Protein backbone atom coordinates (compact mmCIF):
# COMPACT_ATOMS: atom_id res chain seq x y z
CA UNK A 1 -11.93 68.42 108.09
CA UNK A 2 -10.40 70.54 105.72
CA UNK A 3 -9.67 69.49 102.39
CA UNK A 4 -5.94 68.71 102.98
CA UNK A 5 -4.29 67.08 105.81
CA UNK A 6 -0.91 67.16 107.04
CA UNK A 7 0.87 63.96 106.92
CA UNK A 8 1.38 64.55 110.58
CA UNK A 9 -2.19 64.15 111.13
CA UNK A 10 -2.83 61.29 109.11
CA UNK A 11 -0.15 59.63 110.27
CA UNK A 12 -1.82 60.49 113.93
CA UNK A 13 -5.21 58.50 112.87
CA UNK A 14 -3.41 55.40 112.02
CA UNK A 15 -3.87 53.62 115.42
CA UNK A 16 -4.45 50.02 116.35
CA UNK A 17 -7.94 50.61 116.12
CA UNK A 18 -7.39 52.09 112.36
CA UNK A 19 -5.10 48.90 111.34
CA UNK A 20 -6.97 46.34 113.00
CA UNK A 21 -10.30 47.79 111.78
CA UNK A 22 -9.27 47.38 108.08
CA UNK A 23 -10.08 51.04 107.23
CA UNK A 24 -7.45 51.45 104.89
CA UNK A 25 -7.63 48.57 102.94
CA UNK A 26 -10.30 47.19 100.49
CA UNK A 27 -11.11 43.19 99.28
CA UNK A 28 -10.74 43.46 95.69
CA UNK A 29 -14.05 41.54 95.15
CA UNK A 30 -15.43 43.95 97.72
CA UNK A 31 -14.01 46.56 95.33
CA UNK A 32 -15.10 45.29 92.54
CA UNK A 33 -18.76 45.23 93.20
CA UNK A 34 -18.73 48.57 94.67
CA UNK A 35 -20.75 50.96 92.16
CA UNK A 36 -19.17 53.71 90.57
CA UNK A 37 -15.46 52.23 92.09
CA UNK A 38 -12.28 53.27 90.59
CA UNK A 39 -8.98 50.90 90.65
CA UNK A 40 -6.31 53.50 90.14
CA UNK A 41 -3.64 51.50 88.59
CA UNK A 42 -0.16 52.91 90.06
CA UNK A 43 2.15 50.36 88.48
CA UNK A 44 5.09 51.76 86.26
CA UNK A 45 4.92 51.89 82.47
CA UNK A 46 6.84 49.14 81.58
CA UNK A 47 4.57 46.62 84.40
CA UNK A 48 1.75 48.33 82.63
CA UNK A 49 2.89 47.54 79.05
CA UNK A 50 3.59 43.76 80.11
CA UNK A 51 0.10 43.28 81.65
CA UNK A 52 -2.79 45.70 81.32
CA UNK A 53 -5.68 45.46 83.35
CA UNK A 54 -8.86 46.12 81.92
CA UNK A 55 -11.87 44.84 84.22
CA UNK A 56 -14.61 47.19 81.73
CA UNK A 57 -17.24 44.24 83.50
CA UNK A 58 -16.30 45.37 86.92
CA UNK A 59 -15.14 49.09 87.63
CA UNK A 60 -13.29 51.36 85.89
CA UNK A 61 -9.53 51.66 85.31
CA UNK A 62 -7.17 54.31 86.01
CA UNK A 63 -3.71 53.78 85.24
CA UNK A 64 -1.54 56.47 86.62
CA UNK A 65 2.02 55.44 87.67
CA UNK A 66 3.52 56.76 90.97
CA UNK A 67 5.25 59.73 90.06
CA UNK A 68 2.92 60.86 87.76
CA UNK A 69 0.71 61.13 91.10
CA UNK A 70 1.60 64.74 91.93
CA UNK A 71 0.71 66.38 88.96
CA UNK A 72 -2.31 64.40 87.93
CA UNK A 73 -3.95 63.35 90.94
CA UNK A 74 -6.73 65.74 89.75
CA UNK A 75 -8.19 63.33 87.28
CA UNK A 76 -8.51 60.81 90.38
CA UNK A 77 -12.26 61.15 91.48
CA UNK A 78 -13.01 62.27 94.94
CA UNK A 79 -17.14 60.98 95.12
CA UNK A 80 -15.94 57.46 94.36
CA UNK A 81 -14.26 54.37 96.54
CA UNK A 82 -11.06 54.23 94.95
CA UNK A 83 -8.66 51.18 95.24
CA UNK A 84 -4.80 51.69 94.73
CA UNK A 85 -3.44 49.03 92.89
CA UNK A 86 0.92 47.78 92.77
CA UNK A 87 2.24 44.51 92.60
CA UNK A 88 4.00 44.95 95.89
CA UNK A 89 2.07 46.57 97.59
CA UNK A 90 4.40 50.02 98.73
CA UNK A 91 3.70 52.01 95.92
CA UNK A 92 -0.23 51.54 96.38
CA UNK A 93 0.66 52.63 100.49
CA UNK A 94 2.62 55.56 99.15
CA UNK A 95 0.01 56.98 97.03
CA UNK A 96 -2.54 55.97 99.70
CA UNK A 97 -0.85 58.34 102.18
CA UNK A 98 -0.45 61.07 99.61
CA UNK A 99 -3.85 61.18 98.49
CA UNK A 100 -5.00 61.05 102.51
CA UNK A 101 -2.99 64.05 102.97
CA UNK A 102 -5.23 65.96 99.98
CA UNK A 103 -8.22 64.94 101.72
CA UNK A 104 -9.43 62.05 99.69
CA UNK A 105 -11.28 60.25 102.33
CA UNK A 106 -12.81 57.05 99.85
CA UNK A 107 -9.27 56.03 99.47
CA UNK A 108 -8.47 52.68 99.89
CA UNK A 109 -5.53 49.98 99.37
CA UNK A 110 -6.32 47.00 97.55
CA UNK A 111 -4.55 43.70 97.62
CA UNK A 112 -1.32 43.63 95.75
CA UNK A 113 -1.15 40.84 93.56
CA UNK A 114 -2.29 39.53 90.23
CA UNK A 115 -4.01 36.89 92.00
CA UNK A 116 -6.34 38.67 93.63
CA UNK A 117 -7.66 40.58 90.50
CA UNK A 118 -7.73 36.87 88.17
CA UNK A 119 -9.16 34.51 90.47
CA UNK A 120 -12.28 37.09 90.51
CA UNK A 121 -12.77 36.58 86.55
CA UNK A 122 -12.80 32.95 86.18
CA UNK A 123 -15.55 31.73 84.13
CA UNK A 124 -18.32 31.83 86.67
CA UNK A 125 -17.44 34.90 88.72
CA UNK A 126 -17.12 36.85 85.42
CA UNK A 127 -20.89 35.73 84.59
CA UNK A 128 -22.44 36.90 87.62
CA UNK A 129 -20.47 40.21 87.69
CA UNK A 130 -22.08 40.56 84.27
CA UNK A 131 -25.46 40.05 85.09
CA UNK A 132 -25.40 42.15 88.04
CA UNK A 133 -24.12 44.80 85.47
CA UNK A 134 -26.94 43.94 83.24
CA UNK A 135 -29.54 44.10 86.26
CA UNK A 136 -28.17 47.40 87.63
CA UNK A 137 -28.30 49.03 84.31
CA UNK A 138 -31.88 47.83 83.66
CA UNK A 139 -33.57 49.06 87.23
CA UNK A 140 -31.79 52.34 85.36
């Protein structure tokens, strides 16, 4: 495969089998448990200013509003799993397609709701995540 793909090529690969297998998405719990993954927050500045997502005990969060992606996509690592997040799903889908045309193979659409994130931050789940990170750091 070449580094860049045409939109036509990307869309042709979006078959029933592609969508049925879920290769375009990633569950939030899976994303947060993936080592060296990135949550790409593509919400607008007013949304980000109202609620910033940090997840420092889980994964790195990179905030780049949708309209800035064409100028800043080089900040998004190609060698990591990238879960694209917005609150309704439209922007994350657009950014997903755009990044795929640029050759990003490990990009996925993350669930589009705050509940998908906050449900994983309850004390018991957060405690387990912190413990898992400590164990991983001790192994290094």
